[in-house]
């Protein structure tokens, strides 16, 4: 069980961000009342933490390294896009390699 007070950590991050609670509420989709409640909680819900963190540009792993394990298998949106592009790249590369192999066979006179 963690002894860290996530609400206090978030409170410090919000202070460092320079944004107001109203701005954070608007950007995160989390109400001001909920944000104030979260700041008093030792272990607030992860969903709210992530929304607020994204709104203030805060990386939780800096202050809460145990979150790394929680996020180990959850790729970010940009990572998901990169995986999609990698997959497409490899498909194209395989097709291109096949075309080159067929061309090499044709040029060598091997008509298999």
Protein backbone atom coordinates (compact mmCIF):
# COMPACT_ATOMS: atom_id res chain seq x y z
CA UNK A 1 0.00 0.00 0.00
CA UNK A 2 1.34 3.39 -0.98
CA UNK A 3 2.12 6.01 1.64
CA UNK A 4 2.17 8.80 -0.93
CA UNK A 5 -0.67 11.29 -0.94
CA UNK A 6 -1.52 11.61 -4.63
CA UNK A 7 -3.78 14.57 -4.01
CA UNK A 8 -0.87 16.50 -2.48
CA UNK A 9 1.39 15.55 -5.38
CA UNK A 10 -1.27 16.73 -7.83
CA UNK A 11 -1.78 19.95 -5.86
CA UNK A 12 1.93 20.75 -6.22
CA UNK A 13 1.85 19.95 -9.96
CA UNK A 14 -1.17 22.21 -10.45
CA UNK A 15 0.59 25.01 -8.61
CA UNK A 16 3.66 24.58 -10.81
CA UNK A 17 1.54 24.57 -13.97
CA UNK A 18 0.36 28.14 -13.40
CA UNK A 19 -3.16 27.24 -14.51
CA UNK A 20 -6.27 28.01 -12.50
CA UNK A 21 -8.60 25.28 -11.30
CA UNK A 22 -11.25 26.70 -13.67
CA UNK A 23 -8.89 26.38 -16.66
CA UNK A 24 -7.94 22.85 -15.64
CA UNK A 25 -11.60 21.91 -15.22
CA UNK A 26 -12.40 23.26 -18.69
CA UNK A 27 -9.40 21.52 -20.30
CA UNK A 28 -9.82 18.19 -18.50
CA UNK A 29 -13.57 17.79 -18.43
CA UNK A 30 -13.40 17.27 -14.66
CA UNK A 31 -15.54 19.66 -12.61
CA UNK A 32 -13.91 22.18 -10.27
CA UNK A 33 -15.67 20.56 -7.33
CA UNK A 34 -14.24 17.16 -8.25
CA UNK A 35 -10.75 18.61 -8.67
CA UNK A 36 -10.89 20.20 -5.21
CA UNK A 37 -12.12 16.90 -3.75
CA UNK A 38 -9.32 14.97 -5.49
CA UNK A 39 -6.70 17.30 -4.04
CA UNK A 40 -7.79 16.21 -0.55
CA UNK A 41 -7.76 12.47 -1.36
CA UNK A 42 -4.78 10.26 -0.73
CA UNK A 43 -5.70 7.86 -3.53
CA UNK A 44 -8.07 9.52 -6.02
CA UNK A 45 -9.38 7.65 -9.04
CA UNK A 46 -6.87 7.02 -11.78
CA UNK A 47 -9.20 8.26 -14.52
CA UNK A 48 -9.44 11.72 -12.96
CA UNK A 49 -5.71 11.83 -12.27
CA UNK A 50 -4.98 11.11 -15.91
CA UNK A 51 -7.42 13.71 -17.21
CA UNK A 52 -6.09 16.40 -14.92
CA UNK A 53 -2.48 15.42 -15.60
CA UNK A 54 -3.07 15.70 -19.35
CA UNK A 55 -4.72 19.10 -18.91
CA UNK A 56 -1.72 20.52 -17.06
CA UNK A 57 0.95 18.63 -19.01
CA UNK A 58 2.08 16.74 -15.94
CA UNK A 59 4.01 13.47 -16.11
CA UNK A 60 3.12 11.42 -13.02
CA UNK A 61 6.04 9.06 -13.41
CA UNK A 62 8.34 11.86 -12.32
CA UNK A 63 6.90 11.87 -8.80
CA UNK A 64 5.06 8.53 -8.67
CA UNK A 65 7.35 5.90 -10.24
CA UNK A 66 5.03 3.06 -9.22
CA UNK A 67 2.62 4.31 -11.88
CA UNK A 68 5.07 2.97 -14.46
CA UNK A 69 3.94 -0.58 -13.76
CA UNK A 70 0.31 0.46 -14.14
CA UNK A 71 0.98 2.00 -17.55
CA UNK A 72 3.47 -0.57 -18.78
CA UNK A 73 1.06 -2.19 -21.23
CA UNK A 74 -1.01 0.85 -22.16
CA UNK A 75 0.40 2.61 -25.22
CA UNK A 76 -0.30 6.30 -25.60
CA UNK A 77 -2.28 7.56 -28.59
CA UNK A 78 0.89 8.60 -30.41
CA UNK A 79 2.47 5.20 -29.67
CA UNK A 80 -0.64 3.50 -31.06
CA UNK A 81 -0.38 5.63 -34.20
CA UNK A 82 3.31 4.78 -34.49
CA UNK A 83 2.49 1.07 -34.19
CA UNK A 84 -0.09 1.44 -36.96
CA UNK A 85 2.42 3.22 -39.17
CA UNK A 86 5.08 0.60 -38.39
CA UNK A 87 2.66 -2.15 -39.33
CA UNK A 88 1.83 -0.42 -42.63
CA UNK A 89 5.51 0.22 -43.30
CA UNK A 90 6.35 -3.46 -42.82
CA UNK A 91 3.48 -4.51 -45.11
CA UNK A 92 4.75 -2.18 -47.83
CA UNK A 93 8.33 -3.32 -47.27
CA UNK A 94 7.32 -6.98 -47.61
CA UNK A 95 5.46 -6.26 -50.86
CA UNK A 96 8.40 -4.27 -52.20
CA UNK A 97 10.81 -7.09 -51.32
CA UNK A 98 8.56 -9.56 -53.14
CA UNK A 99 8.50 -7.34 -56.24
CA UNK A 100 12.30 -7.06 -56.16
CA UNK A 101 12.65 -10.84 -55.83
CA UNK A 102 10.31 -11.38 -58.79
CA UNK A 103 12.20 -8.80 -60.84
CA UNK A 104 15.51 -10.47 -59.99
CA UNK A 105 14.11 -13.86 -61.07
CA UNK A 106 12.82 -12.36 -64.32
CA UNK A 107 16.14 -10.65 -65.09
CA UNK A 108 18.08 -13.83 -64.34
CA UNK A 109 15.88 -15.81 -66.72
CA UNK A 110 14.34 -17.97 -63.96
CA UNK A 111 10.65 -18.14 -64.96
CA UNK A 112 9.38 -20.13 -61.94
